């Protein structure tokens, strides 16, 4: 698979595929993080997913070391994002839980 070829490149440290809604985000990003690489890109909330659950999913994928992700939350009309300060407060609260 193409992803495996990329993950095997020693000097490749970060990956951004673009359009995360077009592939299985959780599976692909989990594989990237487990390979010791960084996923850099959009992070899509699933239909009906709260901000907290969306961020919990990212934190779970980042694992106990909480690394491997540089994400940009995707805003849309159906699920508008709150102010960035609120997002950061939720993010830090959730990280402190784990």
C-alpha atoms as a PDB file:
ATOM      1  CA  UNK A   1       0.000   0.000   0.000  1.00  0.00           C
ATOM      2  CA  UNK A   2       1.177   3.539  -0.718  1.00  0.00           C
ATOM      3  CA  UNK A   3       0.925   4.631   2.909  1.00  0.00           C
ATOM      4  CA  UNK A   4       3.273   1.816   3.975  1.00  0.00           C
ATOM      5  CA  UNK A   5       5.803   2.957   1.369  1.00  0.00           C
ATOM      6  CA  UNK A   6       5.705   6.476   2.805  1.00  0.00           C
ATOM      7  CA  UNK A   7       5.935   5.287   6.402  1.00  0.00           C
ATOM      8  CA  UNK A   8       9.056   3.286   5.548  1.00  0.00           C
ATOM      9  CA  UNK A   9      10.981   6.393   4.402  1.00  0.00           C
ATOM     10  CA  UNK A  10      13.341   7.170   7.306  1.00  0.00           C
ATOM     11  CA  UNK A  11      13.712  10.913   6.689  1.00  0.00           C
ATOM     12  CA  UNK A  12      10.007  11.515   6.158  1.00  0.00           C
ATOM     13  CA  UNK A  13       8.761  12.996   9.409  1.00  0.00           C
ATOM     14  CA  UNK A  14       5.310  14.436   8.635  1.00  0.00           C
ATOM     15  CA  UNK A  15       2.453  13.562   6.303  1.00  0.00           C
ATOM     16  CA  UNK A  16      -0.531  15.553   5.020  1.00  0.00           C
ATOM     17  CA  UNK A  17      -2.863  13.858   2.553  1.00  0.00           C
ATOM     18  CA  UNK A  18      -5.404  16.677   2.307  1.00  0.00           C
ATOM     19  CA  UNK A  19      -9.153  16.085   2.139  1.00  0.00           C
ATOM     20  CA  UNK A  20      -9.377  13.966   5.330  1.00  0.00           C
ATOM     21  CA  UNK A  21     -13.089  13.451   4.717  1.00  0.00           C
ATOM     22  CA  UNK A  22     -12.176  11.234   1.735  1.00  0.00           C
ATOM     23  CA  UNK A  23     -10.299   8.536   3.669  1.00  0.00           C
ATOM     24  CA  UNK A  24     -10.565   6.696   6.986  1.00  0.00           C
ATOM     25  CA  UNK A  25      -9.038   9.415   9.136  1.00  0.00           C
ATOM     26  CA  UNK A  26      -8.788   7.392  12.359  1.00  0.00           C
ATOM     27  CA  UNK A  27      -7.117   4.400  10.700  1.00  0.00           C
ATOM     28  CA  UNK A  28      -4.660   6.373   8.579  1.00  0.00           C
ATOM     29  CA  UNK A  29      -3.661   8.811  11.317  1.00  0.00           C
ATOM     30  CA  UNK A  30      -3.258   5.982  13.846  1.00  0.00           C
ATOM     31  CA  UNK A  31      -0.877   4.235  11.447  1.00  0.00           C
ATOM     32  CA  UNK A  32       1.091   7.451  10.894  1.00  0.00           C
ATOM     33  CA  UNK A  33       1.479   8.083  14.635  1.00  0.00           C
ATOM     34  CA  UNK A  34       2.368   4.448  15.404  1.00  0.00           C
ATOM     35  CA  UNK A  35       5.108   4.667  12.750  1.00  0.00           C
ATOM     36  CA  UNK A  36       6.661   7.566  14.686  1.00  0.00           C
ATOM     37  CA  UNK A  37       5.644  10.158  12.104  1.00  0.00           C
ATOM     38  CA  UNK A  38       3.515  13.281  12.496  1.00  0.00           C
ATOM     39  CA  UNK A  39       0.119  13.808  10.904  1.00  0.00           C
ATOM     40  CA  UNK A  40      -0.194  17.448   9.844  1.00  0.00           C
ATOM     41  CA  UNK A  41      -3.577  18.384   8.482  1.00  0.00           C
ATOM     42  CA  UNK A  42      -7.276  18.853   8.855  1.00  0.00           C
ATOM     43  CA  UNK A  43      -9.254  17.063  11.538  1.00  0.00           C
ATOM     44  CA  UNK A  44     -12.883  16.373  10.673  1.00  0.00           C
ATOM     45  CA  UNK A  45     -15.663  15.994  13.206  1.00  0.00           C
ATOM     46  CA  UNK A  46     -17.923  13.063  12.475  1.00  0.00           C
ATOM     47  CA  UNK A  47     -21.622  13.785  11.927  1.00  0.00           C
ATOM     48  CA  UNK A  48     -23.174  14.720  15.259  1.00  0.00           C
ATOM     49  CA  UNK A  49     -19.843  14.455  17.113  1.00  0.00           C
ATOM     50  CA  UNK A  50     -19.344  17.014  19.848  1.00  0.00           C
ATOM     51  CA  UNK A  51     -16.195  19.104  19.972  1.00  0.00           C
ATOM     52  CA  UNK A  52     -15.165  17.256  23.142  1.00  0.00           C
ATOM     53  CA  UNK A  53     -15.595  13.825  21.549  1.00  0.00           C
ATOM     54  CA  UNK A  54     -13.758  14.946  18.428  1.00  0.00           C
ATOM     55  CA  UNK A  55     -10.790  16.140  20.478  1.00  0.00           C
ATOM     56  CA  UNK A  56     -10.884  13.022  22.697  1.00  0.00           C
ATOM     57  CA  UNK A  57     -10.565  10.947  19.529  1.00  0.00           C
ATOM     58  CA  UNK A  58      -7.473  12.932  18.504  1.00  0.00           C
ATOM     59  CA  UNK A  59      -5.938  12.585  21.975  1.00  0.00           C
ATOM     60  CA  UNK A  60      -6.627   8.831  21.977  1.00  0.00           C
ATOM     61  CA  UNK A  61      -4.904   8.468  18.601  1.00  0.00           C
ATOM     62  CA  UNK A  62      -1.929  10.523  19.827  1.00  0.00           C
ATOM     63  CA  UNK A  63      -1.445   7.880  22.518  1.00  0.00           C
ATOM     64  CA  UNK A  64      -0.010   8.160  26.015  1.00  0.00           C
ATOM     65  CA  UNK A  65       2.912  10.258  24.808  1.00  0.00           C
ATOM     66  CA  UNK A  66       0.456  12.772  23.307  1.00  0.00           C
ATOM     67  CA  UNK A  67       2.503  13.377  20.196  1.00  0.00           C
ATOM     68  CA  UNK A  68       2.279  12.882  16.468  1.00  0.00           C
ATOM     69  CA  UNK A  69      -0.502  15.339  15.639  1.00  0.00           C
ATOM     70  CA  UNK A  70      -0.581  18.864  14.299  1.00  0.00           C
ATOM     71  CA  UNK A  71      -4.249  19.304  13.495  1.00  0.00           C
ATOM     72  CA  UNK A  72      -6.522  22.004  12.155  1.00  0.00           C
ATOM     73  CA  UNK A  73     -10.163  21.546  13.023  1.00  0.00           C
ATOM     74  CA  UNK A  74     -12.468  21.747  10.039  1.00  0.00           C
ATOM     75  CA  UNK A  75     -15.401  24.129  10.463  1.00  0.00           C
ATOM     76  CA  UNK A  76     -18.659  23.618   8.596  1.00  0.00           C
ATOM     77  CA  UNK A  77     -22.144  25.078   8.541  1.00  0.00           C
ATOM     78  CA  UNK A  78     -23.725  22.112  10.330  1.00  0.00           C
ATOM     79  CA  UNK A  79     -21.147  22.056  13.135  1.00  0.00           C
ATOM     80  CA  UNK A  80     -19.665  25.529  13.553  1.00  0.00           C
ATOM     81  CA  UNK A  81     -16.609  25.768  15.756  1.00  0.00           C
ATOM     82  CA  UNK A  82     -16.522  27.933  18.867  1.00  0.00           C
ATOM     83  CA  UNK A  83     -13.930  30.680  19.363  1.00  0.00           C
ATOM     84  CA  UNK A  84     -10.331  29.358  19.279  1.00  0.00           C
ATOM     85  CA  UNK A  85      -9.824  30.244  22.961  1.00  0.00           C
ATOM     86  CA  UNK A  86     -12.698  27.938  23.877  1.00  0.00           C
ATOM     87  CA  UNK A  87     -11.298  25.152  21.713  1.00  0.00           C
ATOM     88  CA  UNK A  88      -7.896  25.455  23.412  1.00  0.00           C
ATOM     89  CA  UNK A  89      -9.507  25.405  26.865  1.00  0.00           C
ATOM     90  CA  UNK A  90     -11.374  22.199  25.997  1.00  0.00           C
ATOM     91  CA  UNK A  91      -8.196  20.680  24.500  1.00  0.00           C
ATOM     92  CA  UNK A  92      -6.146  21.372  27.633  1.00  0.00           C
ATOM     93  CA  UNK A  93      -8.899  20.123  29.952  1.00  0.00           C
ATOM     94  CA  UNK A  94      -9.169  16.872  28.020  1.00  0.00           C
ATOM     95  CA  UNK A  95      -5.401  16.368  27.983  1.00  0.00           C
ATOM     96  CA  UNK A  96      -5.309  16.826  31.736  1.00  0.00           C
ATOM     97  CA  UNK A  97      -7.976  14.102  32.138  1.00  0.00           C
ATOM     98  CA  UNK A  98      -5.782  11.447  30.576  1.00  0.00           C
END
